[in-house]
C-alpha atoms as a PDB file:
ATOM      1  CA  UNK A   1      -6.834 -85.608 -26.882  1.00  0.00           C
ATOM      2  CA  UNK A   2      -7.926 -83.512 -23.896  1.00  0.00           C
ATOM      3  CA  UNK A   3      -7.294 -79.809 -24.269  1.00  0.00           C
ATOM      4  CA  UNK A   4      -4.325 -78.576 -22.282  1.00  0.00           C
ATOM      5  CA  UNK A   5      -5.215 -75.495 -20.282  1.00  0.00           C
ATOM      6  CA  UNK A   6      -2.305 -73.291 -19.259  1.00  0.00           C
ATOM      7  CA  UNK A   7      -2.128 -70.281 -17.005  1.00  0.00           C
ATOM      8  CA  UNK A   8      -2.426 -67.092 -19.135  1.00  0.00           C
ATOM      9  CA  UNK A   9       0.974 -65.782 -18.023  1.00  0.00           C
ATOM     10  CA  UNK A  10       2.629 -69.088 -18.893  1.00  0.00           C
ATOM     11  CA  UNK A  11       0.984 -69.096 -22.321  1.00  0.00           C
ATOM     12  CA  UNK A  12       2.051 -65.497 -22.914  1.00  0.00           C
ATOM     13  CA  UNK A  13       5.656 -66.291 -21.989  1.00  0.00           C
ATOM     14  CA  UNK A  14       5.639 -69.295 -24.327  1.00  0.00           C
ATOM     15  CA  UNK A  15       4.427 -67.099 -27.195  1.00  0.00           C
ATOM     16  CA  UNK A  16       7.259 -64.668 -26.469  1.00  0.00           C
ATOM     17  CA  UNK A  17       9.760 -67.545 -26.365  1.00  0.00           C
ATOM     18  CA  UNK A  18       8.632 -68.807 -29.779  1.00  0.00           C
ATOM     19  CA  UNK A  19       8.663 -65.287 -31.227  1.00  0.00           C
ATOM     20  CA  UNK A  20      12.135 -64.611 -29.884  1.00  0.00           C
ATOM     21  CA  UNK A  21      13.474 -67.873 -31.310  1.00  0.00           C
ATOM     22  CA  UNK A  22      11.997 -67.162 -34.744  1.00  0.00           C
ATOM     23  CA  UNK A  23      13.146 -63.537 -34.802  1.00  0.00           C
ATOM     24  CA  UNK A  24      16.659 -64.588 -33.838  1.00  0.00           C
ATOM     25  CA  UNK A  25      16.767 -67.361 -36.446  1.00  0.00           C
ATOM     26  CA  UNK A  26      15.119 -65.606 -39.395  1.00  0.00           C
ATOM     27  CA  UNK A  27      15.188 -61.921 -38.466  1.00  0.00           C
ATOM     28  CA  UNK A  28      12.212 -59.813 -37.417  1.00  0.00           C
ATOM     29  CA  UNK A  29      11.144 -58.916 -40.966  1.00  0.00           C
ATOM     30  CA  UNK A  30      11.273 -62.453 -42.320  1.00  0.00           C
ATOM     31  CA  UNK A  31       9.358 -64.144 -39.490  1.00  0.00           C
ATOM     32  CA  UNK A  32       5.607 -63.666 -39.798  1.00  0.00           C
ATOM     33  CA  UNK A  33       2.912 -63.812 -37.165  1.00  0.00           C
ATOM     34  CA  UNK A  34       1.673 -66.998 -38.827  1.00  0.00           C
ATOM     35  CA  UNK A  35       5.120 -68.490 -38.225  1.00  0.00           C
ATOM     36  CA  UNK A  36       4.896 -67.599 -34.538  1.00  0.00           C
ATOM     37  CA  UNK A  37       1.355 -68.965 -34.268  1.00  0.00           C
ATOM     38  CA  UNK A  38       2.345 -72.233 -35.974  1.00  0.00           C
ATOM     39  CA  UNK A  39       5.446 -72.658 -33.806  1.00  0.00           C
ATOM     40  CA  UNK A  40       3.433 -72.057 -30.652  1.00  0.00           C
ATOM     41  CA  UNK A  41       0.670 -74.434 -31.725  1.00  0.00           C
ATOM     42  CA  UNK A  42      -2.155 -72.027 -30.885  1.00  0.00           C
ATOM     43  CA  UNK A  43      -5.069 -70.618 -32.836  1.00  0.00           C
ATOM     44  CA  UNK A  44      -5.019 -67.121 -34.255  1.00  0.00           C
ATOM     45  CA  UNK A  45      -7.761 -66.151 -31.859  1.00  0.00           C
ATOM     46  CA  UNK A  46      -5.689 -67.338 -28.917  1.00  0.00           C
ATOM     47  CA  UNK A  47      -2.652 -65.436 -30.150  1.00  0.00           C
ATOM     48  CA  UNK A  48      -4.558 -62.185 -30.658  1.00  0.00           C
ATOM     49  CA  UNK A  49      -5.936 -62.511 -27.155  1.00  0.00           C
ATOM     50  CA  UNK A  50      -2.397 -61.746 -25.953  1.00  0.00           C
ATOM     51  CA  UNK A  51      -0.915 -59.577 -28.713  1.00  0.00           C
ATOM     52  CA  UNK A  52      -2.779 -57.260 -31.044  1.00  0.00           C
ATOM     53  CA  UNK A  53      -0.029 -57.084 -33.666  1.00  0.00           C
ATOM     54  CA  UNK A  54       3.518 -58.006 -34.572  1.00  0.00           C
ATOM     55  CA  UNK A  55       4.645 -54.625 -33.249  1.00  0.00           C
ATOM     56  CA  UNK A  56       2.955 -55.351 -29.910  1.00  0.00           C
ATOM     57  CA  UNK A  57       4.780 -58.657 -29.803  1.00  0.00           C
ATOM     58  CA  UNK A  58       8.124 -56.949 -30.366  1.00  0.00           C
ATOM     59  CA  UNK A  59       7.323 -54.339 -27.745  1.00  0.00           C
ATOM     60  CA  UNK A  60       6.504 -57.092 -25.239  1.00  0.00           C
ATOM     61  CA  UNK A  61       9.849 -58.707 -26.013  1.00  0.00           C
ATOM     62  CA  UNK A  62      11.568 -55.381 -25.376  1.00  0.00           C
ATOM     63  CA  UNK A  63       9.793 -55.062 -22.039  1.00  0.00           C
ATOM     64  CA  UNK A  64      10.902 -58.564 -21.106  1.00  0.00           C
ATOM     65  CA  UNK A  65      14.483 -57.774 -22.079  1.00  0.00           C
ATOM     66  CA  UNK A  66      14.313 -54.668 -19.886  1.00  0.00           C
ATOM     67  CA  UNK A  67      13.049 -56.712 -16.929  1.00  0.00           C
ATOM     68  CA  UNK A  68      15.760 -59.288 -17.466  1.00  0.00           C
ATOM     69  CA  UNK A  69      18.405 -56.570 -17.726  1.00  0.00           C
ATOM     70  CA  UNK A  70      17.132 -55.045 -14.493  1.00  0.00           C
ATOM     71  CA  UNK A  71      17.298 -58.425 -12.789  1.00  0.00           C
ATOM     72  CA  UNK A  72      20.867 -58.780 -14.055  1.00  0.00           C
ATOM     73  CA  UNK A  73      21.977 -55.658 -12.172  1.00  0.00           C
ATOM     74  CA  UNK A  74      20.013 -56.265  -8.984  1.00  0.00           C
ATOM     75  CA  UNK A  75      23.150 -57.483  -7.252  1.00  0.00           C
ATOM     76  CA  UNK A  76      24.782 -54.120  -7.923  1.00  0.00           C
ATOM     77  CA  UNK A  77      21.759 -52.238  -6.656  1.00  0.00           C
ATOM     78  CA  UNK A  78      21.734 -54.268  -3.441  1.00  0.00           C
ATOM     79  CA  UNK A  79      25.494 -54.160  -2.775  1.00  0.00           C
ATOM     80  CA  UNK A  80      25.963 -52.258   0.522  1.00  0.00           C
ATOM     81  CA  UNK A  81      29.669 -51.703  -0.181  1.00  0.00           C
ATOM     82  CA  UNK A  82      29.106 -49.471  -3.207  1.00  0.00           C
ATOM     83  CA  UNK A  83      28.792 -45.716  -2.857  1.00  0.00           C
ATOM     84  CA  UNK A  84      26.426 -43.923  -5.287  1.00  0.00           C
ATOM     85  CA  UNK A  85      29.150 -43.126  -7.848  1.00  0.00           C
ATOM     86  CA  UNK A  86      30.518 -46.667  -7.664  1.00  0.00           C
ATOM     87  CA  UNK A  87      26.998 -48.047  -8.024  1.00  0.00           C
ATOM     88  CA  UNK A  88      26.289 -45.857 -11.063  1.00  0.00           C
ATOM     89  CA  UNK A  89      29.547 -46.827 -12.761  1.00  0.00           C
ATOM     90  CA  UNK A  90      29.054 -50.509 -11.907  1.00  0.00           C
ATOM     91  CA  UNK A  91      25.566 -50.332 -13.405  1.00  0.00           C
ATOM     92  CA  UNK A  92      26.933 -48.890 -16.638  1.00  0.00           C
ATOM     93  CA  UNK A  93      29.825 -51.373 -16.744  1.00  0.00           C
ATOM     94  CA  UNK A  94      27.415 -54.289 -16.389  1.00  0.00           C
ATOM     95  CA  UNK A  95      25.195 -52.809 -19.095  1.00  0.00           C
ATOM     96  CA  UNK A  96      28.188 -52.442 -21.429  1.00  0.00           C
ATOM     97  CA  UNK A  97      29.249 -56.039 -20.901  1.00  0.00           C
ATOM     98  CA  UNK A  98      25.726 -57.330 -21.448  1.00  0.00           C
ATOM     99  CA  UNK A  99      25.421 -55.357 -24.705  1.00  0.00           C
ATOM    100  CA  UNK A 100      28.724 -56.746 -25.975  1.00  0.00           C
ATOM    101  CA  UNK A 101      27.800 -60.334 -25.074  1.00  0.00           C
ATOM    102  CA  UNK A 102      24.274 -60.183 -26.525  1.00  0.00           C
ATOM    103  CA  UNK A 103      24.945 -57.853 -29.484  1.00  0.00           C
ATOM    104  CA  UNK A 104      24.704 -60.484 -32.287  1.00  0.00           C
ATOM    105  CA  UNK A 105      21.333 -61.737 -31.023  1.00  0.00           C
ATOM    106  CA  UNK A 106      20.066 -58.244 -30.220  1.00  0.00           C
ATOM    107  CA  UNK A 107      20.790 -56.957 -33.734  1.00  0.00           C
ATOM    108  CA  UNK A 108      18.782 -59.842 -35.202  1.00  0.00           C
ATOM    109  CA  UNK A 109      15.773 -58.502 -33.332  1.00  0.00           C
ATOM    110  CA  UNK A 110      16.276 -54.769 -33.395  1.00  0.00           C
ATOM    111  CA  UNK A 111      18.088 -53.902 -36.616  1.00  0.00           C
ATOM    112  CA  UNK A 112      14.710 -53.290 -38.224  1.00  0.00           C
ATOM    113  CA  UNK A 113      14.034 -50.512 -35.700  1.00  0.00           C
ATOM    114  CA  UNK A 114      16.660 -48.309 -37.334  1.00  0.00           C
ATOM    115  CA  UNK A 115      14.689 -48.031 -40.555  1.00  0.00           C
ATOM    116  CA  UNK A 116      12.783 -44.748 -41.026  1.00  0.00           C
ATOM    117  CA  UNK A 117       9.384 -46.435 -41.098  1.00  0.00           C
ATOM    118  CA  UNK A 118       9.959 -47.853 -37.619  1.00  0.00           C
ATOM    119  CA  UNK A 119      10.881 -44.641 -35.800  1.00  0.00           C
ATOM    120  CA  UNK A 120       7.671 -44.638 -33.744  1.00  0.00           C
ATOM    121  CA  UNK A 121       8.215 -48.269 -32.735  1.00  0.00           C
ATOM    122  CA  UNK A 122      11.819 -47.465 -31.787  1.00  0.00           C
ATOM    123  CA  UNK A 123      10.603 -44.792 -29.401  1.00  0.00           C
ATOM    124  CA  UNK A 124       7.988 -47.126 -27.909  1.00  0.00           C
ATOM    125  CA  UNK A 125      10.678 -49.677 -27.123  1.00  0.00           C
ATOM    126  CA  UNK A 126      12.932 -47.035 -25.609  1.00  0.00           C
ATOM    127  CA  UNK A 127       9.997 -46.014 -23.451  1.00  0.00           C
ATOM    128  CA  UNK A 128       9.755 -49.574 -22.125  1.00  0.00           C
ATOM    129  CA  UNK A 129      13.422 -49.482 -21.128  1.00  0.00           C
ATOM    130  CA  UNK A 130      13.021 -46.069 -19.547  1.00  0.00           C
ATOM    131  CA  UNK A 131      10.071 -47.216 -17.446  1.00  0.00           C
ATOM    132  CA  UNK A 132      12.220 -49.991 -15.999  1.00  0.00           C
ATOM    133  CA  UNK A 133      15.498 -48.159 -15.436  1.00  0.00           C
ATOM    134  CA  UNK A 134      14.591 -44.532 -14.705  1.00  0.00           C
ATOM    135  CA  UNK A 135      13.370 -45.259 -11.146  1.00  0.00           C
ATOM    136  CA  UNK A 136      16.630 -47.113 -10.460  1.00  0.00           C
ATOM    137  CA  UNK A 137      18.708 -44.185 -11.683  1.00  0.00           C
ATOM    138  CA  UNK A 138      16.647 -41.709  -9.675  1.00  0.00           C
ATOM    139  CA  UNK A 139      17.206 -43.768  -6.532  1.00  0.00           C
ATOM    140  CA  UNK A 140      20.990 -43.829  -7.064  1.00  0.00           C
ATOM    141  CA  UNK A 141      21.119 -40.097  -7.773  1.00  0.00           C
ATOM    142  CA  UNK A 142      19.064 -39.311  -4.675  1.00  0.00           C
ATOM    143  CA  UNK A 143      21.428 -41.405  -2.571  1.00  0.00           C
ATOM    144  CA  UNK A 144      24.312 -39.418  -4.034  1.00  0.00           C
ATOM    145  CA  UNK A 145      22.583 -36.165  -3.156  1.00  0.00           C
ATOM    146  CA  UNK A 146      22.009 -37.328   0.399  1.00  0.00           C
ATOM    147  CA  UNK A 147      25.673 -38.163   1.012  1.00  0.00           C
ATOM    148  CA  UNK A 148      27.077 -35.213  -0.946  1.00  0.00           C
ATOM    149  CA  UNK A 149      28.517 -37.238  -3.871  1.00  0.00           C
ATOM    150  CA  UNK A 150      26.273 -35.574  -6.459  1.00  0.00           C
ATOM    151  CA  UNK A 151      25.062 -32.013  -6.841  1.00  0.00           C
ATOM    152  CA  UNK A 152      21.960 -31.536  -8.958  1.00  0.00           C
ATOM    153  CA  UNK A 153      18.533 -29.967  -8.522  1.00  0.00           C
ATOM    154  CA  UNK A 154      16.569 -32.482 -10.641  1.00  0.00           C
ATOM    155  CA  UNK A 155      17.308 -36.213 -10.151  1.00  0.00           C
ATOM    156  CA  UNK A 156      14.396 -37.227 -12.372  1.00  0.00           C
ATOM    157  CA  UNK A 157      15.678 -34.934 -15.119  1.00  0.00           C
ATOM    158  CA  UNK A 158      19.149 -36.457 -14.934  1.00  0.00           C
ATOM    159  CA  UNK A 159      17.663 -39.962 -15.197  1.00  0.00           C
ATOM    160  CA  UNK A 160      15.665 -38.862 -18.242  1.00  0.00           C
ATOM    161  CA  UNK A 161      18.809 -37.497 -19.891  1.00  0.00           C
ATOM    162  CA  UNK A 162      20.653 -40.787 -19.332  1.00  0.00           C
ATOM    163  CA  UNK A 163      17.792 -42.775 -20.825  1.00  0.00           C
ATOM    164  CA  UNK A 164      17.628 -40.446 -23.834  1.00  0.00           C
ATOM    165  CA  UNK A 165      21.245 -41.070 -24.809  1.00  0.00           C
ATOM    166  CA  UNK A 166      20.212 -44.116 -26.840  1.00  0.00           C
ATOM    167  CA  UNK A 167      17.496 -42.170 -28.640  1.00  0.00           C
ATOM    168  CA  UNK A 168      19.934 -39.366 -29.426  1.00  0.00           C
ATOM    169  CA  UNK A 169      22.200 -41.746 -31.366  1.00  0.00           C
ATOM    170  CA  UNK A 170      19.368 -43.107 -33.522  1.00  0.00           C
ATOM    171  CA  UNK A 171      20.208 -41.032 -36.608  1.00  0.00           C
ATOM    172  CA  UNK A 172      23.897 -41.983 -36.480  1.00  0.00           C
ATOM    173  CA  UNK A 173      23.169 -45.707 -36.433  1.00  0.00           C
ATOM    174  CA  UNK A 174      20.320 -45.489 -38.945  1.00  0.00           C
ATOM    175  CA  UNK A 175      22.525 -43.623 -41.418  1.00  0.00           C
ATOM    176  CA  UNK A 176      25.269 -46.249 -41.124  1.00  0.00           C
ATOM    177  CA  UNK A 177      22.772 -49.062 -41.749  1.00  0.00           C
ATOM    178  CA  UNK A 178      21.226 -47.249 -44.706  1.00  0.00           C
ATOM    179  CA  UNK A 179      24.645 -46.730 -46.289  1.00  0.00           C
ATOM    180  CA  UNK A 180      25.661 -50.305 -45.696  1.00  0.00           C
ATOM    181  CA  UNK A 181      29.362 -49.917 -46.502  1.00  0.00           C
ATOM    182  CA  UNK A 182      32.374 -50.449 -44.267  1.00  0.00           C
ATOM    183  CA  UNK A 183      33.178 -46.753 -44.666  1.00  0.00           C
ATOM    184  CA  UNK A 184      29.715 -45.788 -43.405  1.00  0.00           C
ATOM    185  CA  UNK A 185      30.169 -48.083 -40.422  1.00  0.00           C
ATOM    186  CA  UNK A 186      33.593 -46.606 -39.617  1.00  0.00           C
ATOM    187  CA  UNK A 187      32.163 -43.088 -39.682  1.00  0.00           C
ATOM    188  CA  UNK A 188      29.353 -44.173 -37.353  1.00  0.00           C
ATOM    189  CA  UNK A 189      31.751 -45.853 -34.934  1.00  0.00           C
ATOM    190  CA  UNK A 190      33.996 -42.790 -34.789  1.00  0.00           C
ATOM    191  CA  UNK A 191      31.006 -40.501 -34.279  1.00  0.00           C
ATOM    192  CA  UNK A 192      29.504 -42.710 -31.569  1.00  0.00           C
ATOM    193  CA  UNK A 193      32.818 -42.944 -29.717  1.00  0.00           C
ATOM    194  CA  UNK A 194      33.014 -39.150 -29.606  1.00  0.00           C
ATOM    195  CA  UNK A 195      29.371 -38.930 -28.589  1.00  0.00           C
ATOM    196  CA  UNK A 196      29.898 -41.345 -25.690  1.00  0.00           C
ATOM    197  CA  UNK A 197      32.796 -39.218 -24.461  1.00  0.00           C
ATOM    198  CA  UNK A 198      30.623 -36.106 -24.747  1.00  0.00           C
ATOM    199  CA  UNK A 199      27.853 -37.762 -22.720  1.00  0.00           C
ATOM    200  CA  UNK A 200      30.361 -38.717 -20.037  1.00  0.00           C
ATOM    201  CA  UNK A 201      31.506 -35.113 -19.716  1.00  0.00           C
ATOM    202  CA  UNK A 202      27.905 -33.885 -19.709  1.00  0.00           C
ATOM    203  CA  UNK A 203      26.936 -36.265 -16.896  1.00  0.00           C
ATOM    204  CA  UNK A 204      29.995 -35.267 -14.869  1.00  0.00           C
ATOM    205  CA  UNK A 205      28.986 -31.623 -15.148  1.00  0.00           C
ATOM    206  CA  UNK A 206      25.287 -32.222 -14.496  1.00  0.00           C
ATOM    207  CA  UNK A 207      26.060 -34.246 -11.363  1.00  0.00           C
ATOM    208  CA  UNK A 208      28.740 -31.829 -10.162  1.00  0.00           C
ATOM    209  CA  UNK A 209      31.581 -34.334 -10.552  1.00  0.00           C
ATOM    210  CA  UNK A 210      35.173 -33.944 -11.773  1.00  0.00           C
ATOM    211  CA  UNK A 211      35.720 -34.839 -15.437  1.00  0.00           C
ATOM    212  CA  UNK A 212      36.379 -38.551 -15.864  1.00  0.00           C
ATOM    213  CA  UNK A 213      34.171 -39.662 -12.969  1.00  0.00           C
ATOM    214  CA  UNK A 214      31.410 -41.269 -15.073  1.00  0.00           C
ATOM    215  CA  UNK A 215      32.265 -44.113 -17.457  1.00  0.00           C
ATOM    216  CA  UNK A 216      29.613 -44.829 -20.071  1.00  0.00           C
ATOM    217  CA  UNK A 217      32.026 -46.451 -22.508  1.00  0.00           C
ATOM    218  CA  UNK A 218      35.420 -48.102 -22.579  1.00  0.00           C
ATOM    219  CA  UNK A 219      38.037 -48.629 -25.297  1.00  0.00           C
ATOM    220  CA  UNK A 220      36.617 -50.853 -28.044  1.00  0.00           C
ATOM    221  CA  UNK A 221      33.085 -50.908 -26.628  1.00  0.00           C
ATOM    222  CA  UNK A 222      31.306 -49.106 -29.487  1.00  0.00           C
ATOM    223  CA  UNK A 223      33.195 -51.046 -32.143  1.00  0.00           C
ATOM    224  CA  UNK A 224      32.432 -54.401 -30.502  1.00  0.00           C
ATOM    225  CA  UNK A 225      28.690 -53.688 -30.412  1.00  0.00           C
ATOM    226  CA  UNK A 226      28.418 -52.154 -33.880  1.00  0.00           C
ATOM    227  CA  UNK A 227      30.498 -54.752 -35.737  1.00  0.00           C
ATOM    228  CA  UNK A 228      28.563 -57.586 -34.080  1.00  0.00           C
ATOM    229  CA  UNK A 229      25.666 -56.729 -36.388  1.00  0.00           C
ATOM    230  CA  UNK A 230      27.872 -57.051 -39.478  1.00  0.00           C
ATOM    231  CA  UNK A 231      29.181 -60.439 -38.314  1.00  0.00           C
ATOM    232  CA  UNK A 232      25.764 -61.756 -37.247  1.00  0.00           C
ATOM    233  CA  UNK A 233      24.773 -64.935 -39.182  1.00  0.00           C
ATOM    234  CA  UNK A 234      21.109 -63.909 -39.354  1.00  0.00           C
ATOM    235  CA  UNK A 235      22.117 -60.532 -40.766  1.00  0.00           C
ATOM    236  CA  UNK A 236      24.393 -62.157 -43.331  1.00  0.00           C
ATOM    237  CA  UNK A 237      21.668 -64.574 -44.433  1.00  0.00           C
ATOM    238  CA  UNK A 238      19.152 -61.769 -44.843  1.00  0.00           C
ATOM    239  CA  UNK A 239      21.489 -59.450 -46.764  1.00  0.00           C
ATOM    240  CA  UNK A 240      20.997 -60.943 -50.278  1.00  0.00           C
ATOM    241  CA  UNK A 241      17.221 -60.640 -50.030  1.00  0.00           C
ATOM    242  CA  UNK A 242      17.429 -57.050 -48.883  1.00  0.00           C
ATOM    243  CA  UNK A 243      19.861 -56.256 -51.676  1.00  0.00           C
ATOM    244  CA  UNK A 244      17.422 -57.756 -54.167  1.00  0.00           C
ATOM    245  CA  UNK A 245      14.560 -55.689 -52.781  1.00  0.00           C
ATOM    246  CA  UNK A 246      16.608 -52.512 -52.842  1.00  0.00           C
END
């Protein structure tokens, strides 16, 4: 049969599609690069032309998720009827809803990142998200400065702080996963709920706003995201093997 030649970007996206499907079905740890290569129907040489390692593949998936998430909020960014505070809160509300809706699938991919050996990879993936969203946040903050909504001397610094919130909760989530019990999860949920409230107050103060102006969370948000991992079929299927290894 004649060889089918595809555009490099199309081939790369197909490899990511196959990897995502396998990671979601079997979990990141249980799906090998050979599985991805076989599913994609390419040679190892062709695969390594696009991705140097399994970690690079996961990082590329994270970057794609970030681009897709950014596309999902473009309507908010372009809405002329939103003032800067309304735009910032709408952005966070959309992000919350997306995390709730995609939490079971997201945990199948990213639960492995909360293991100690993957701390560097976790930070690399957070960097990908920051590269996509920080410029958007800076733009909103600058608009708020221009019209007097916000008061701050460092818009880029505020954007960095927002993007670091996820990194700051790493230890809380990792500890809950390592413990593995319902009690550990309840402690993590309670701690994260308080932390979200603290971040809201901090952002209000940093931006010169009255308390209660910024809404990062909402009632039940943290619990919905965290318990989605426990109820995830891929997580449940993988649990006996992990227990055996431990």
